[in-house]
C-alpha cells in the first residue's frame, strides 16, 4: 500500500525540525552511531517509534532519507 505524500504544513514541520537537528549536531565518523542519534531525535520530536531495521544508515543517513522515513510514519 502506497503512502500519501504529507501535506504542505507537515512537510514544512519535518523540514524545520530537521534543520534544527542538523544545525545543532555534527556527524561523526560512525554512520551507525549517527543513525541512532537521528532515530532518538526523530522519535522524540515526532512521537513515532522506528522499527529496529529503520535505525540504520540506509534510512537515516541524510535529510532525504530521514524525510522519506518520516513520511512513511506520518502519512495517512
N, C-alpha and C. Protein backbone atom coordinates (compact mmCIF):
# COMPACT_ATOMS: atom_id res chain seq x y z
N UNK A 1 0.85 -1.17 0.00
CA UNK A 1 0.00 0.00 0.00
C UNK A 1 0.89 1.23 0.00
N UNK A 2 0.67 2.14 -0.93
CA UNK A 2 1.50 3.34 -1.05
C UNK A 2 1.05 4.39 -0.05
N UNK A 3 2.02 5.11 0.48
CA UNK A 3 1.73 6.20 1.42
C UNK A 3 1.46 7.47 0.62
N UNK A 4 0.55 8.27 1.13
CA UNK A 4 0.30 9.56 0.52
C UNK A 4 1.39 10.53 0.95
N UNK A 5 1.68 11.47 0.08
CA UNK A 5 2.67 12.50 0.44
C UNK A 5 2.09 13.36 1.55
N UNK A 6 2.91 13.76 2.49
CA UNK A 6 2.39 14.61 3.57
C UNK A 6 1.96 15.96 3.03
N UNK A 7 0.99 16.58 3.70
CA UNK A 7 0.54 17.89 3.25
C UNK A 7 1.65 18.91 3.46
N UNK A 8 1.44 20.10 2.92
CA UNK A 8 2.48 21.13 2.96
C UNK A 8 2.89 21.51 4.37
N UNK A 9 1.91 21.62 5.28
CA UNK A 9 2.23 22.01 6.65
C UNK A 9 3.09 20.96 7.34
N UNK A 10 2.77 19.70 7.11
CA UNK A 10 3.56 18.63 7.71
C UNK A 10 4.97 18.61 7.12
N UNK A 11 5.07 18.77 5.81
CA UNK A 11 6.39 18.79 5.17
C UNK A 11 7.22 19.95 5.70
N UNK A 12 6.58 21.10 5.89
CA UNK A 12 7.30 22.26 6.45
C UNK A 12 7.78 21.96 7.86
N UNK A 13 6.96 21.29 8.66
CA UNK A 13 7.35 20.95 10.04
C UNK A 13 8.53 19.98 10.02
N UNK A 14 8.45 18.95 9.17
CA UNK A 14 9.55 17.99 9.06
C UNK A 14 10.84 18.74 8.71
N UNK A 15 10.78 19.60 7.70
CA UNK A 15 11.97 20.33 7.28
C UNK A 15 12.51 21.23 8.38
N UNK A 16 11.62 21.92 9.10
CA UNK A 16 12.06 22.82 10.17
C UNK A 16 12.73 22.05 11.30
N UNK A 17 12.15 20.92 11.68
CA UNK A 17 12.72 20.12 12.76
C UNK A 17 14.07 19.54 12.34
N UNK A 18 14.16 19.06 11.10
CA UNK A 18 15.43 18.53 10.62
C UNK A 18 16.48 19.63 10.51
N UNK A 19 16.07 20.83 10.11
CA UNK A 19 17.01 21.96 10.08
C UNK A 19 17.59 22.20 11.47
N UNK A 20 16.72 22.21 12.48
CA UNK A 20 17.19 22.40 13.86
C UNK A 20 18.17 21.30 14.26
N UNK A 21 17.82 20.06 13.96
CA UNK A 21 18.68 18.94 14.35
C UNK A 21 20.06 19.07 13.70
N UNK A 22 20.08 19.26 12.38
CA UNK A 22 21.37 19.28 11.68
C UNK A 22 22.18 20.54 11.99
N UNK A 23 21.53 21.61 12.43
CA UNK A 23 22.25 22.80 12.87
C UNK A 23 22.97 22.55 14.19
N UNK A 24 22.34 21.77 15.06
CA UNK A 24 22.86 21.54 16.41
C UNK A 24 23.79 20.34 16.52
N UNK A 25 23.76 19.42 15.55
CA UNK A 25 24.51 18.18 15.67
C UNK A 25 25.45 17.97 14.49
N UNK A 26 26.70 17.72 14.80
CA UNK A 26 27.67 17.36 13.77
C UNK A 26 27.63 15.85 13.58
N UNK A 27 28.00 15.41 12.39
CA UNK A 27 28.10 13.98 12.16
C UNK A 27 29.43 13.47 12.69
N UNK A 28 29.45 12.20 13.02
CA UNK A 28 30.68 11.57 13.49
C UNK A 28 31.27 10.76 12.35
N UNK A 29 32.30 10.01 12.65
CA UNK A 29 32.88 9.10 11.66
C UNK A 29 32.23 7.73 11.71
N UNK A 30 31.16 7.60 12.50
CA UNK A 30 30.47 6.33 12.68
C UNK A 30 29.03 6.46 12.20
N UNK A 31 28.72 5.98 10.99
CA UNK A 31 27.37 6.15 10.45
C UNK A 31 26.29 5.45 11.27
N UNK A 32 26.63 4.37 11.95
CA UNK A 32 25.65 3.68 12.78
C UNK A 32 25.31 4.53 14.00
N UNK A 33 26.31 5.11 14.64
CA UNK A 33 26.08 6.00 15.77
C UNK A 33 25.25 7.21 15.33
N UNK A 34 25.56 7.76 14.18
CA UNK A 34 24.78 8.88 13.67
C UNK A 34 23.32 8.48 13.45
N UNK A 35 23.08 7.29 12.92
CA UNK A 35 21.71 6.81 12.71
C UNK A 35 20.96 6.69 14.03
N UNK A 36 21.63 6.20 15.06
CA UNK A 36 20.99 6.08 16.38
C UNK A 36 20.65 7.46 16.92
N UNK A 37 21.54 8.41 16.78
CA UNK A 37 21.28 9.78 17.24
C UNK A 37 20.07 10.38 16.53
N UNK A 38 20.03 10.22 15.22
CA UNK A 38 18.90 10.73 14.45
C UNK A 38 17.61 10.03 14.86
N UNK A 39 17.67 8.71 15.05
CA UNK A 39 16.48 7.95 15.43
C UNK A 39 15.91 8.44 16.76
N UNK A 40 16.76 8.64 17.74
CA UNK A 40 16.30 9.13 19.04
C UNK A 40 15.63 10.49 18.88
N UNK A 41 16.26 11.36 18.13
CA UNK A 41 15.70 12.69 17.92
C UNK A 41 14.35 12.62 17.20
N UNK A 42 14.29 11.87 16.12
CA UNK A 42 13.06 11.76 15.33
C UNK A 42 11.93 11.17 16.17
N UNK A 43 12.23 10.13 16.92
CA UNK A 43 11.19 9.52 17.75
C UNK A 43 10.66 10.51 18.77
N UNK A 44 11.54 11.28 19.38
CA UNK A 44 11.12 12.26 20.37
C UNK A 44 10.37 13.42 19.74
N UNK A 45 10.89 13.96 18.65
CA UNK A 45 10.30 15.15 18.03
C UNK A 45 8.96 14.88 17.36
N UNK A 46 8.77 13.67 16.83
CA UNK A 46 7.56 13.39 16.07
C UNK A 46 6.65 12.36 16.73
N UNK A 47 7.05 11.81 17.86
CA UNK A 47 6.20 10.86 18.55
C UNK A 47 5.98 9.57 17.79
N UNK A 48 6.98 9.16 17.03
CA UNK A 48 6.90 7.90 16.28
C UNK A 48 7.86 6.90 16.90
N UNK A 49 7.64 5.65 16.59
CA UNK A 49 8.55 4.59 17.01
C UNK A 49 9.09 3.93 15.75
N UNK A 50 10.39 4.03 15.55
CA UNK A 50 11.01 3.42 14.39
C UNK A 50 11.27 1.95 14.67
N UNK A 51 11.09 1.15 13.65
CA UNK A 51 11.41 -0.27 13.75
C UNK A 51 12.92 -0.42 13.84
N UNK A 52 13.36 -1.49 14.45
CA UNK A 52 14.80 -1.72 14.60
C UNK A 52 15.52 -1.66 13.25
N UNK A 53 14.89 -2.21 12.23
CA UNK A 53 15.51 -2.21 10.90
C UNK A 53 15.64 -0.81 10.30
N UNK A 54 14.82 0.13 10.78
CA UNK A 54 14.89 1.50 10.28
C UNK A 54 16.00 2.31 10.94
N UNK A 55 16.49 1.84 12.07
CA UNK A 55 17.55 2.56 12.79
C UNK A 55 18.88 2.12 12.20
N UNK A 56 19.10 2.58 10.98
CA UNK A 56 20.27 2.18 10.21
C UNK A 56 20.61 3.31 9.24
N UNK A 57 21.87 3.40 8.84
CA UNK A 57 22.27 4.45 7.91
C UNK A 57 21.44 4.49 6.63
N UNK A 58 20.98 3.35 6.16
CA UNK A 58 20.20 3.33 4.92
C UNK A 58 18.92 4.16 5.03
N UNK A 59 18.40 4.29 6.24
CA UNK A 59 17.15 5.02 6.45
C UNK A 59 17.35 6.39 7.08
N UNK A 60 18.52 6.64 7.66
CA UNK A 60 18.71 7.86 8.44
C UNK A 60 20.03 8.56 8.16
N UNK A 61 20.62 8.33 7.00
CA UNK A 61 21.96 8.85 6.74
C UNK A 61 22.00 10.32 6.32
N UNK A 62 20.91 10.83 5.78
CA UNK A 62 20.88 12.23 5.35
C UNK A 62 19.44 12.73 5.40
N UNK A 63 19.27 14.01 5.13
CA UNK A 63 17.94 14.62 5.23
C UNK A 63 16.90 13.91 4.37
N UNK A 64 17.26 13.59 3.14
CA UNK A 64 16.30 12.95 2.24
C UNK A 64 15.86 11.59 2.78
N UNK A 65 16.80 10.83 3.30
CA UNK A 65 16.47 9.51 3.85
C UNK A 65 15.60 9.65 5.09
N UNK A 66 15.92 10.60 5.96
CA UNK A 66 15.13 10.82 7.17
C UNK A 66 13.73 11.29 6.79
N UNK A 67 13.64 12.20 5.84
CA UNK A 67 12.34 12.71 5.39
C UNK A 67 11.48 11.56 4.86
N UNK A 68 12.06 10.70 4.06
CA UNK A 68 11.32 9.56 3.49
C UNK A 68 10.84 8.63 4.60
N UNK A 69 11.69 8.36 5.58
CA UNK A 69 11.31 7.51 6.71
C UNK A 69 10.17 8.14 7.49
N UNK A 70 10.27 9.43 7.77
CA UNK A 70 9.21 10.12 8.50
C UNK A 70 7.91 10.14 7.71
N UNK A 71 7.98 10.35 6.43
CA UNK A 71 6.77 10.37 5.61
C UNK A 71 6.03 9.05 5.70
N UNK A 72 6.77 7.94 5.74
CA UNK A 72 6.12 6.63 5.88
C UNK A 72 5.36 6.54 7.20
N UNK A 73 5.92 7.12 8.25
CA UNK A 73 5.29 7.04 9.57
C UNK A 73 4.15 8.04 9.74
N UNK A 74 4.26 9.20 9.13
CA UNK A 74 3.31 10.27 9.41
C UNK A 74 2.20 10.41 8.38
N UNK A 75 2.38 9.87 7.19
CA UNK A 75 1.35 9.97 6.16
C UNK A 75 0.21 9.01 6.47
N UNK A 76 -0.97 9.44 6.13
CA UNK A 76 -2.12 8.55 6.28
C UNK A 76 -2.83 8.82 7.49
